[in-house]
N, C-alpha and C. Protein backbone atom coordinates (compact mmCIF):
# COMPACT_ATOMS: atom_id res chain seq x y z
N MET A 1 88.47 94.96 -41.38
CA MET A 1 87.14 94.94 -41.95
C MET A 1 86.11 95.34 -40.90
N SER A 2 85.21 96.20 -41.23
CA SER A 2 84.24 96.73 -40.30
C SER A 2 83.01 95.84 -40.22
N GLN A 3 82.38 95.74 -39.03
CA GLN A 3 81.15 94.96 -38.86
C GLN A 3 79.92 95.79 -39.19
N GLU A 4 80.14 96.98 -39.64
CA GLU A 4 79.01 97.86 -39.95
C GLU A 4 78.22 97.41 -41.16
N ASN A 5 78.79 96.53 -41.98
CA ASN A 5 78.07 96.11 -43.18
C ASN A 5 76.89 95.20 -42.85
N GLY A 6 76.79 94.69 -41.62
CA GLY A 6 75.60 93.94 -41.22
C GLY A 6 75.56 92.51 -41.69
N LEU A 7 76.63 91.99 -42.25
CA LEU A 7 76.60 90.60 -42.69
C LEU A 7 76.62 89.62 -41.53
N PHE A 8 77.23 90.01 -40.46
CA PHE A 8 77.33 89.13 -39.30
C PHE A 8 76.69 89.81 -38.10
N ALA A 9 76.07 89.01 -37.26
CA ALA A 9 75.45 89.54 -36.05
C ALA A 9 75.89 88.71 -34.87
N ARG A 10 76.03 89.37 -33.75
CA ARG A 10 76.36 88.65 -32.53
C ARG A 10 75.15 87.84 -32.08
N MET A 11 75.39 86.83 -31.25
CA MET A 11 74.30 85.97 -30.78
C MET A 11 73.20 86.78 -30.11
N ASP A 12 73.55 87.78 -29.32
CA ASP A 12 72.54 88.55 -28.62
C ASP A 12 71.77 89.49 -29.54
N GLU A 13 72.25 89.69 -30.76
CA GLU A 13 71.58 90.56 -31.72
C GLU A 13 70.67 89.78 -32.67
N GLN A 14 70.81 88.45 -32.70
CA GLN A 14 70.01 87.65 -33.63
C GLN A 14 68.57 87.57 -33.15
N ARG A 15 67.65 87.65 -34.11
CA ARG A 15 66.23 87.52 -33.81
C ARG A 15 65.78 86.12 -34.12
N ASN A 16 64.90 85.62 -33.34
CA ASN A 16 64.31 84.31 -33.59
C ASN A 16 62.95 84.56 -34.25
N PRO A 17 62.77 84.11 -35.50
CA PRO A 17 61.48 84.33 -36.19
C PRO A 17 60.31 83.74 -35.43
N ALA A 18 60.53 82.68 -34.66
CA ALA A 18 59.44 82.08 -33.90
C ALA A 18 58.92 83.02 -32.83
N ASP A 19 59.79 83.92 -32.34
CA ASP A 19 59.36 84.88 -31.33
C ASP A 19 58.39 85.89 -31.91
N ASP A 20 58.47 86.13 -33.21
CA ASP A 20 57.62 87.12 -33.85
C ASP A 20 56.19 86.62 -34.03
N GLN A 21 56.02 85.32 -34.11
CA GLN A 21 54.71 84.75 -34.35
C GLN A 21 54.24 84.06 -33.08
N ALA A 22 52.94 84.08 -32.86
CA ALA A 22 52.39 83.36 -31.72
C ALA A 22 52.60 81.86 -31.97
N GLN A 23 52.99 81.16 -30.94
CA GLN A 23 53.21 79.72 -31.08
C GLN A 23 51.86 79.04 -31.32
N THR A 24 51.77 78.27 -32.40
CA THR A 24 50.55 77.56 -32.70
C THR A 24 50.80 76.07 -32.59
N ASP A 25 49.82 75.36 -32.08
CA ASP A 25 49.91 73.92 -31.91
C ASP A 25 49.25 73.27 -33.12
N THR A 26 50.07 72.75 -34.04
CA THR A 26 49.54 72.16 -35.26
C THR A 26 49.93 70.70 -35.36
N GLU A 27 49.18 69.98 -36.16
CA GLU A 27 49.49 68.59 -36.49
C GLU A 27 49.34 68.41 -37.99
N LYS A 28 50.10 67.47 -38.54
CA LYS A 28 50.03 67.17 -39.96
C LYS A 28 49.01 66.06 -40.20
N TYR A 29 48.19 66.25 -41.23
CA TYR A 29 47.20 65.27 -41.62
C TYR A 29 47.34 64.95 -43.10
N LEU A 30 47.20 63.68 -43.42
CA LEU A 30 47.15 63.25 -44.82
C LEU A 30 45.69 63.31 -45.23
N VAL A 31 45.40 64.04 -46.30
CA VAL A 31 44.03 64.17 -46.79
C VAL A 31 43.76 63.04 -47.78
N VAL A 32 42.73 62.26 -47.48
CA VAL A 32 42.33 61.15 -48.35
C VAL A 32 40.87 61.35 -48.72
N THR A 33 40.46 60.74 -49.83
CA THR A 33 39.09 60.85 -50.29
C THR A 33 38.45 59.47 -50.29
N SER A 34 37.22 59.42 -49.80
CA SER A 34 36.43 58.20 -49.86
C SER A 34 35.00 58.60 -50.13
N ALA A 35 34.47 58.14 -51.25
CA ALA A 35 33.10 58.45 -51.67
C ALA A 35 32.86 59.96 -51.73
N GLY A 36 33.86 60.71 -52.17
CA GLY A 36 33.72 62.14 -52.35
C GLY A 36 33.86 62.96 -51.08
N VAL A 37 34.14 62.33 -49.95
CA VAL A 37 34.30 63.03 -48.67
C VAL A 37 35.78 63.08 -48.33
N LEU A 38 36.25 64.23 -47.84
CA LEU A 38 37.65 64.39 -47.45
C LEU A 38 37.83 63.96 -46.00
N TYR A 39 38.79 63.08 -45.78
CA TYR A 39 39.12 62.62 -44.44
C TYR A 39 40.57 62.96 -44.16
N GLY A 40 40.88 63.26 -42.91
CA GLY A 40 42.24 63.54 -42.50
C GLY A 40 42.76 62.45 -41.58
N VAL A 41 43.93 61.90 -41.93
CA VAL A 41 44.57 60.87 -41.12
C VAL A 41 45.84 61.49 -40.53
N ASN A 42 45.97 61.46 -39.22
CA ASN A 42 47.14 62.04 -38.58
C ASN A 42 48.39 61.31 -39.07
N THR A 43 49.37 62.07 -39.55
CA THR A 43 50.55 61.46 -40.17
C THR A 43 51.44 60.72 -39.17
N ARG A 44 51.27 60.96 -37.88
CA ARG A 44 52.11 60.24 -36.92
C ARG A 44 51.80 58.75 -36.91
N HIS A 45 50.63 58.35 -37.45
CA HIS A 45 50.26 56.94 -37.50
C HIS A 45 50.55 56.28 -38.84
N ILE A 46 50.95 57.05 -39.84
CA ILE A 46 51.12 56.49 -41.19
C ILE A 46 52.47 55.81 -41.33
N GLU A 47 52.41 54.54 -41.69
CA GLU A 47 53.63 53.76 -41.92
C GLU A 47 54.05 53.87 -43.39
N THR A 48 53.11 53.62 -44.30
CA THR A 48 53.40 53.68 -45.73
C THR A 48 52.10 53.80 -46.51
N ILE A 49 52.23 54.15 -47.79
CA ILE A 49 51.09 54.24 -48.70
C ILE A 49 51.38 53.30 -49.86
N LEU A 50 50.43 52.41 -50.15
CA LEU A 50 50.60 51.42 -51.20
C LEU A 50 49.55 51.63 -52.29
N THR A 51 49.99 51.53 -53.54
CA THR A 51 49.03 51.71 -54.63
C THR A 51 48.60 50.38 -55.24
N GLU A 52 49.47 49.42 -55.24
CA GLU A 52 49.12 48.11 -55.80
C GLU A 52 49.50 47.04 -54.80
N ILE A 53 48.49 46.30 -54.34
CA ILE A 53 48.76 45.25 -53.37
C ILE A 53 48.01 43.99 -53.75
N SER A 54 48.50 42.88 -53.29
CA SER A 54 47.84 41.59 -53.47
C SER A 54 47.27 41.18 -52.12
N ILE A 55 45.95 41.22 -52.01
CA ILE A 55 45.29 40.91 -50.74
C ILE A 55 44.92 39.43 -50.71
N THR A 56 45.27 38.78 -49.62
CA THR A 56 44.89 37.38 -49.40
C THR A 56 43.58 37.37 -48.64
N TRP A 57 42.55 36.81 -49.26
CA TRP A 57 41.23 36.76 -48.66
C TRP A 57 41.20 35.69 -47.57
N LEU A 58 40.52 35.98 -46.47
CA LEU A 58 40.35 35.03 -45.39
C LEU A 58 38.87 34.82 -45.13
N PRO A 59 38.45 33.57 -44.92
CA PRO A 59 37.02 33.31 -44.69
C PRO A 59 36.58 33.75 -43.29
N MET A 60 35.27 33.89 -43.11
CA MET A 60 34.61 34.15 -41.83
C MET A 60 35.07 35.43 -41.15
N LEU A 61 35.31 36.47 -41.93
CA LEU A 61 35.64 37.78 -41.40
C LEU A 61 34.52 38.74 -41.77
N PRO A 62 34.36 39.82 -41.01
CA PRO A 62 33.36 40.83 -41.40
C PRO A 62 33.62 41.33 -42.82
N GLN A 63 32.56 41.77 -43.49
CA GLN A 63 32.66 42.17 -44.90
C GLN A 63 33.66 43.30 -45.12
N HIS A 64 33.79 44.22 -44.16
CA HIS A 64 34.69 45.36 -44.35
C HIS A 64 36.17 44.98 -44.26
N ILE A 65 36.48 43.79 -43.78
CA ILE A 65 37.87 43.33 -43.76
C ILE A 65 38.11 42.55 -45.04
N ARG A 66 38.89 43.14 -45.94
CA ARG A 66 39.11 42.54 -47.26
C ARG A 66 40.07 41.37 -47.23
N GLY A 67 40.91 41.28 -46.21
CA GLY A 67 41.89 40.21 -46.10
C GLY A 67 43.15 40.73 -45.45
N VAL A 68 44.28 40.09 -45.79
CA VAL A 68 45.56 40.49 -45.21
C VAL A 68 46.60 40.61 -46.31
N ILE A 69 47.66 41.36 -46.01
CA ILE A 69 48.81 41.45 -46.91
C ILE A 69 50.07 41.12 -46.11
N ASN A 70 51.12 40.79 -46.84
CA ASN A 70 52.43 40.60 -46.24
C ASN A 70 53.22 41.87 -46.52
N LEU A 71 53.51 42.62 -45.46
CA LEU A 71 54.26 43.87 -45.60
C LEU A 71 55.58 43.70 -44.87
N ARG A 72 56.63 43.46 -45.63
CA ARG A 72 57.97 43.28 -45.06
C ARG A 72 57.99 42.23 -43.95
N GLY A 73 57.29 41.13 -44.18
CA GLY A 73 57.27 40.02 -43.24
C GLY A 73 56.19 40.09 -42.18
N ALA A 74 55.45 41.18 -42.12
CA ALA A 74 54.37 41.32 -41.14
C ALA A 74 53.02 41.10 -41.82
N VAL A 75 52.11 40.41 -41.16
CA VAL A 75 50.77 40.21 -41.67
C VAL A 75 49.92 41.40 -41.24
N VAL A 76 49.37 42.11 -42.23
CA VAL A 76 48.61 43.35 -41.97
C VAL A 76 47.18 43.18 -42.48
N PRO A 77 46.18 43.30 -41.59
CA PRO A 77 44.79 43.24 -42.05
C PRO A 77 44.44 44.50 -42.84
N ILE A 78 43.62 44.33 -43.89
CA ILE A 78 43.22 45.44 -44.75
C ILE A 78 41.73 45.67 -44.62
N LEU A 79 41.36 46.91 -44.23
CA LEU A 79 39.96 47.30 -44.09
C LEU A 79 39.56 48.15 -45.28
N ASP A 80 38.36 47.89 -45.82
CA ASP A 80 37.82 48.72 -46.89
C ASP A 80 37.02 49.83 -46.24
N PHE A 81 37.52 51.05 -46.34
CA PHE A 81 36.91 52.19 -45.66
C PHE A 81 35.48 52.42 -46.13
N ARG A 82 35.23 52.24 -47.42
CA ARG A 82 33.87 52.44 -47.94
C ARG A 82 32.90 51.43 -47.31
N LEU A 83 33.29 50.16 -47.26
CA LEU A 83 32.42 49.14 -46.67
C LEU A 83 32.24 49.38 -45.17
N LEU A 84 33.27 49.86 -44.52
CA LEU A 84 33.21 50.17 -43.10
C LEU A 84 32.16 51.24 -42.82
N LEU A 85 31.99 52.16 -43.75
CA LEU A 85 31.01 53.24 -43.60
C LEU A 85 29.65 52.88 -44.21
N GLY A 86 29.50 51.63 -44.65
CA GLY A 86 28.22 51.18 -45.19
C GLY A 86 27.97 51.61 -46.62
N GLN A 87 29.04 51.89 -47.38
CA GLN A 87 28.90 52.31 -48.77
C GLN A 87 29.31 51.17 -49.70
N GLU A 88 29.04 51.36 -50.97
CA GLU A 88 29.45 50.38 -51.98
C GLU A 88 30.95 50.46 -52.21
N PRO A 89 31.60 49.34 -52.53
CA PRO A 89 33.05 49.40 -52.82
C PRO A 89 33.33 50.28 -54.03
N GLY A 90 34.49 50.94 -54.02
CA GLY A 90 34.89 51.81 -55.12
C GLY A 90 35.65 51.04 -56.19
N GLU A 91 35.78 51.66 -57.37
CA GLU A 91 36.49 51.04 -58.47
C GLU A 91 38.00 51.14 -58.32
N LYS A 92 38.47 52.26 -57.79
CA LYS A 92 39.91 52.44 -57.61
C LYS A 92 40.19 52.59 -56.13
N SER A 93 41.41 52.22 -55.74
CA SER A 93 41.73 52.35 -54.33
C SER A 93 43.23 52.51 -54.11
N CYS A 94 43.54 53.01 -52.95
CA CYS A 94 44.90 53.21 -52.48
C CYS A 94 44.88 52.75 -51.02
N THR A 95 45.92 52.10 -50.57
CA THR A 95 45.93 51.57 -49.20
C THR A 95 46.94 52.33 -48.36
N ILE A 96 46.48 52.77 -47.21
CA ILE A 96 47.34 53.46 -46.24
C ILE A 96 47.56 52.50 -45.09
N VAL A 97 48.82 52.19 -44.80
CA VAL A 97 49.14 51.32 -43.67
C VAL A 97 49.43 52.21 -42.47
N LEU A 98 48.66 51.97 -41.41
CA LEU A 98 48.79 52.74 -40.18
C LEU A 98 49.51 51.90 -39.13
N ASP A 99 50.24 52.57 -38.25
CA ASP A 99 50.96 51.88 -37.19
C ASP A 99 50.73 52.61 -35.87
N SER A 100 50.37 51.84 -34.86
CA SER A 100 50.24 52.40 -33.52
C SER A 100 50.85 51.42 -32.54
N GLU A 101 51.98 51.81 -31.98
CA GLU A 101 52.69 51.00 -31.00
C GLU A 101 52.96 49.59 -31.52
N GLY A 102 53.37 49.49 -32.77
CA GLY A 102 53.74 48.21 -33.36
C GLY A 102 52.59 47.43 -33.97
N VAL A 103 51.36 47.88 -33.78
CA VAL A 103 50.20 47.22 -34.39
C VAL A 103 49.91 47.92 -35.70
N GLN A 104 49.82 47.14 -36.77
CA GLN A 104 49.59 47.72 -38.10
C GLN A 104 48.25 47.28 -38.66
N ILE A 105 47.58 48.22 -39.32
CA ILE A 105 46.38 47.92 -40.10
C ILE A 105 46.43 48.75 -41.38
N GLY A 106 45.77 48.28 -42.40
CA GLY A 106 45.69 49.04 -43.65
C GLY A 106 44.25 49.44 -43.91
N ILE A 107 44.07 50.64 -44.45
CA ILE A 107 42.73 51.06 -44.84
C ILE A 107 42.76 51.43 -46.32
N MET A 108 41.78 50.91 -47.05
CA MET A 108 41.65 51.21 -48.46
C MET A 108 40.76 52.44 -48.62
N VAL A 109 41.29 53.45 -49.31
CA VAL A 109 40.55 54.67 -49.59
C VAL A 109 40.54 54.88 -51.11
N ASP A 110 39.73 55.82 -51.58
CA ASP A 110 39.66 56.07 -53.02
C ASP A 110 40.95 56.68 -53.55
N GLU A 111 41.43 57.72 -52.88
CA GLU A 111 42.68 58.35 -53.31
C GLU A 111 43.30 59.17 -52.18
N VAL A 112 44.60 59.39 -52.32
CA VAL A 112 45.35 60.22 -51.38
C VAL A 112 45.58 61.56 -52.07
N ASP A 113 45.32 62.65 -51.34
CA ASP A 113 45.39 63.97 -51.95
C ASP A 113 46.66 64.73 -51.57
N GLN A 114 46.79 65.14 -50.33
CA GLN A 114 47.90 65.99 -49.91
C GLN A 114 48.09 65.89 -48.41
N THR A 115 49.15 66.51 -47.92
CA THR A 115 49.39 66.63 -46.49
C THR A 115 49.19 68.09 -46.11
N VAL A 116 48.45 68.31 -45.02
CA VAL A 116 48.18 69.68 -44.59
C VAL A 116 48.50 69.83 -43.10
N ASP A 117 48.88 71.04 -42.71
CA ASP A 117 49.06 71.38 -41.30
C ASP A 117 47.76 71.99 -40.81
N ILE A 118 47.26 71.47 -39.69
CA ILE A 118 46.00 71.97 -39.14
C ILE A 118 46.23 72.35 -37.69
N GLU A 119 45.83 73.56 -37.35
CA GLU A 119 45.92 73.99 -35.96
C GLU A 119 44.87 73.24 -35.16
N LYS A 120 45.28 72.73 -34.01
CA LYS A 120 44.36 71.95 -33.17
C LYS A 120 43.12 72.74 -32.79
N GLU A 121 43.29 74.04 -32.59
CA GLU A 121 42.14 74.86 -32.19
C GLU A 121 41.11 75.01 -33.31
N ASN A 122 41.48 74.72 -34.56
CA ASN A 122 40.55 74.82 -35.68
C ASN A 122 39.73 73.55 -35.88
N ILE A 123 40.07 72.49 -35.14
CA ILE A 123 39.30 71.24 -35.26
C ILE A 123 38.09 71.35 -34.34
N LEU A 124 36.93 71.29 -34.95
CA LEU A 124 35.67 71.45 -34.22
C LEU A 124 35.04 70.10 -33.96
N PRO A 125 34.20 70.01 -32.92
CA PRO A 125 33.52 68.73 -32.67
C PRO A 125 32.53 68.42 -33.80
N VAL A 126 32.28 67.14 -33.97
CA VAL A 126 31.35 66.70 -35.01
C VAL A 126 29.93 66.90 -34.49
N PRO A 127 29.03 67.44 -35.31
CA PRO A 127 27.63 67.56 -34.88
C PRO A 127 27.07 66.19 -34.51
N SER A 128 25.97 66.18 -33.78
CA SER A 128 25.40 64.93 -33.30
C SER A 128 25.31 63.92 -34.44
N GLN A 129 25.76 62.72 -34.12
CA GLN A 129 25.83 61.67 -35.14
C GLN A 129 24.53 60.89 -35.14
N GLN A 130 23.94 60.78 -36.31
CA GLN A 130 22.67 60.09 -36.44
C GLN A 130 22.87 58.76 -37.14
N ALA A 131 22.30 57.71 -36.58
CA ALA A 131 22.32 56.37 -37.17
C ALA A 131 23.72 55.91 -37.52
N GLY A 132 24.69 56.23 -36.67
CA GLY A 132 26.04 55.74 -36.89
C GLY A 132 26.83 56.48 -37.95
N GLU A 133 26.28 57.57 -38.50
CA GLU A 133 27.01 58.33 -39.50
C GLU A 133 28.30 58.87 -38.90
N ASN A 134 29.35 58.80 -39.67
CA ASN A 134 30.64 59.36 -39.25
C ASN A 134 31.10 58.84 -37.91
N LYS A 135 30.85 57.56 -37.63
CA LYS A 135 31.21 56.99 -36.34
C LYS A 135 32.72 56.96 -36.12
N LEU A 136 33.50 57.10 -37.17
CA LEU A 136 34.96 57.08 -37.05
C LEU A 136 35.58 58.46 -37.08
N VAL A 137 34.76 59.48 -37.02
CA VAL A 137 35.24 60.86 -37.12
C VAL A 137 35.26 61.50 -35.74
N SER A 138 36.42 62.09 -35.39
CA SER A 138 36.54 62.72 -34.08
C SER A 138 36.41 64.24 -34.13
N GLY A 139 36.46 64.81 -35.32
CA GLY A 139 36.35 66.26 -35.46
C GLY A 139 36.29 66.65 -36.92
N MET A 140 36.15 67.94 -37.16
CA MET A 140 36.09 68.44 -38.53
C MET A 140 36.63 69.85 -38.58
N CYS A 141 37.12 70.24 -39.75
CA CYS A 141 37.62 71.60 -39.92
C CYS A 141 37.55 71.98 -41.40
N THR A 142 37.60 73.26 -41.65
CA THR A 142 37.62 73.77 -43.01
C THR A 142 39.07 73.86 -43.46
N LEU A 143 39.35 73.36 -44.65
CA LEU A 143 40.72 73.44 -45.17
C LEU A 143 41.04 74.88 -45.55
N GLN A 144 42.28 75.28 -45.32
CA GLN A 144 42.69 76.67 -45.55
C GLN A 144 42.60 77.07 -47.02
N ASN A 145 42.82 76.10 -47.92
CA ASN A 145 42.77 76.44 -49.35
C ASN A 145 41.35 76.53 -49.88
N GLY A 146 40.37 76.33 -49.02
CA GLY A 146 38.97 76.46 -49.42
C GLY A 146 38.44 75.29 -50.22
N SER A 147 39.15 74.16 -50.20
CA SER A 147 38.72 73.02 -51.01
C SER A 147 37.66 72.16 -50.34
N GLY A 148 37.28 72.51 -49.13
CA GLY A 148 36.20 71.77 -48.49
C GLY A 148 36.40 71.57 -47.00
N THR A 149 35.54 70.72 -46.45
CA THR A 149 35.59 70.40 -45.04
C THR A 149 36.28 69.05 -44.86
N LEU A 150 37.19 69.00 -43.92
CA LEU A 150 37.96 67.80 -43.63
C LEU A 150 37.38 67.12 -42.41
N MET A 151 37.07 65.84 -42.54
CA MET A 151 36.60 65.03 -41.42
C MET A 151 37.83 64.35 -40.83
N VAL A 152 38.13 64.58 -39.56
CA VAL A 152 39.32 64.03 -38.91
C VAL A 152 39.01 62.61 -38.46
N LEU A 153 39.75 61.66 -39.01
CA LEU A 153 39.55 60.24 -38.73
C LEU A 153 40.12 59.90 -37.35
N ASP A 154 39.32 59.22 -36.53
CA ASP A 154 39.76 58.78 -35.21
C ASP A 154 40.37 57.39 -35.37
N THR A 155 41.69 57.34 -35.60
CA THR A 155 42.36 56.07 -35.87
C THR A 155 42.38 55.16 -34.64
N SER A 156 42.24 55.72 -33.45
CA SER A 156 42.25 54.87 -32.25
C SER A 156 41.09 53.88 -32.28
N LEU A 157 39.97 54.25 -32.87
CA LEU A 157 38.83 53.33 -32.98
C LEU A 157 39.16 52.15 -33.90
N LEU A 158 39.94 52.41 -34.94
CA LEU A 158 40.36 51.33 -35.84
C LEU A 158 41.28 50.35 -35.11
N PHE A 159 42.22 50.88 -34.36
CA PHE A 159 43.20 50.03 -33.66
C PHE A 159 42.56 49.27 -32.50
N ASN A 160 41.56 49.87 -31.85
CA ASN A 160 40.94 49.22 -30.70
C ASN A 160 39.77 48.33 -31.09
N GLY A 161 39.43 48.29 -32.38
CA GLY A 161 38.36 47.43 -32.85
C GLY A 161 36.98 47.93 -32.49
N GLN A 162 36.83 49.20 -32.16
CA GLN A 162 35.55 49.77 -31.79
C GLN A 162 34.85 50.33 -33.02
N LEU A 163 34.47 49.44 -33.91
CA LEU A 163 33.92 49.89 -35.20
C LEU A 163 32.41 49.85 -35.23
N GLY A 164 31.78 49.30 -34.25
CA GLY A 164 30.35 49.13 -34.29
C GLY A 164 29.57 50.17 -33.63
């Protein structure tokens, strides 16, 4: 049987498709909506997404902390993203549990939309922040599908308690 039919190639003849394209540094973000604004949460921090949860209320906590949940034996505080940004609570919500080095927190958002790949070079700095607006946003970018501008959520501020 002849190798002229091209079905098989030697190792030195194989092309790597990655060599044809410039290497791009991208990260995956989960797109969530809160009060009509699109936010991006880096997927490396996402533990799970919950649609129905039973929150245990705790006294003497800031208003934006709705309480705690039991997630597979771990006590996880739940933050209401709308209240954190100084907005009114929403009617519907979805909770995203984030994990950073074993520390878990949940954030309640209006809805979860999709996961997108974003090139790091496309994330632009946030314009000067006035009166604490977007204090949890580390950057912004335009979504490739033209559906709007994505505000990149700085989850490190949530984990470090730097919310003020």
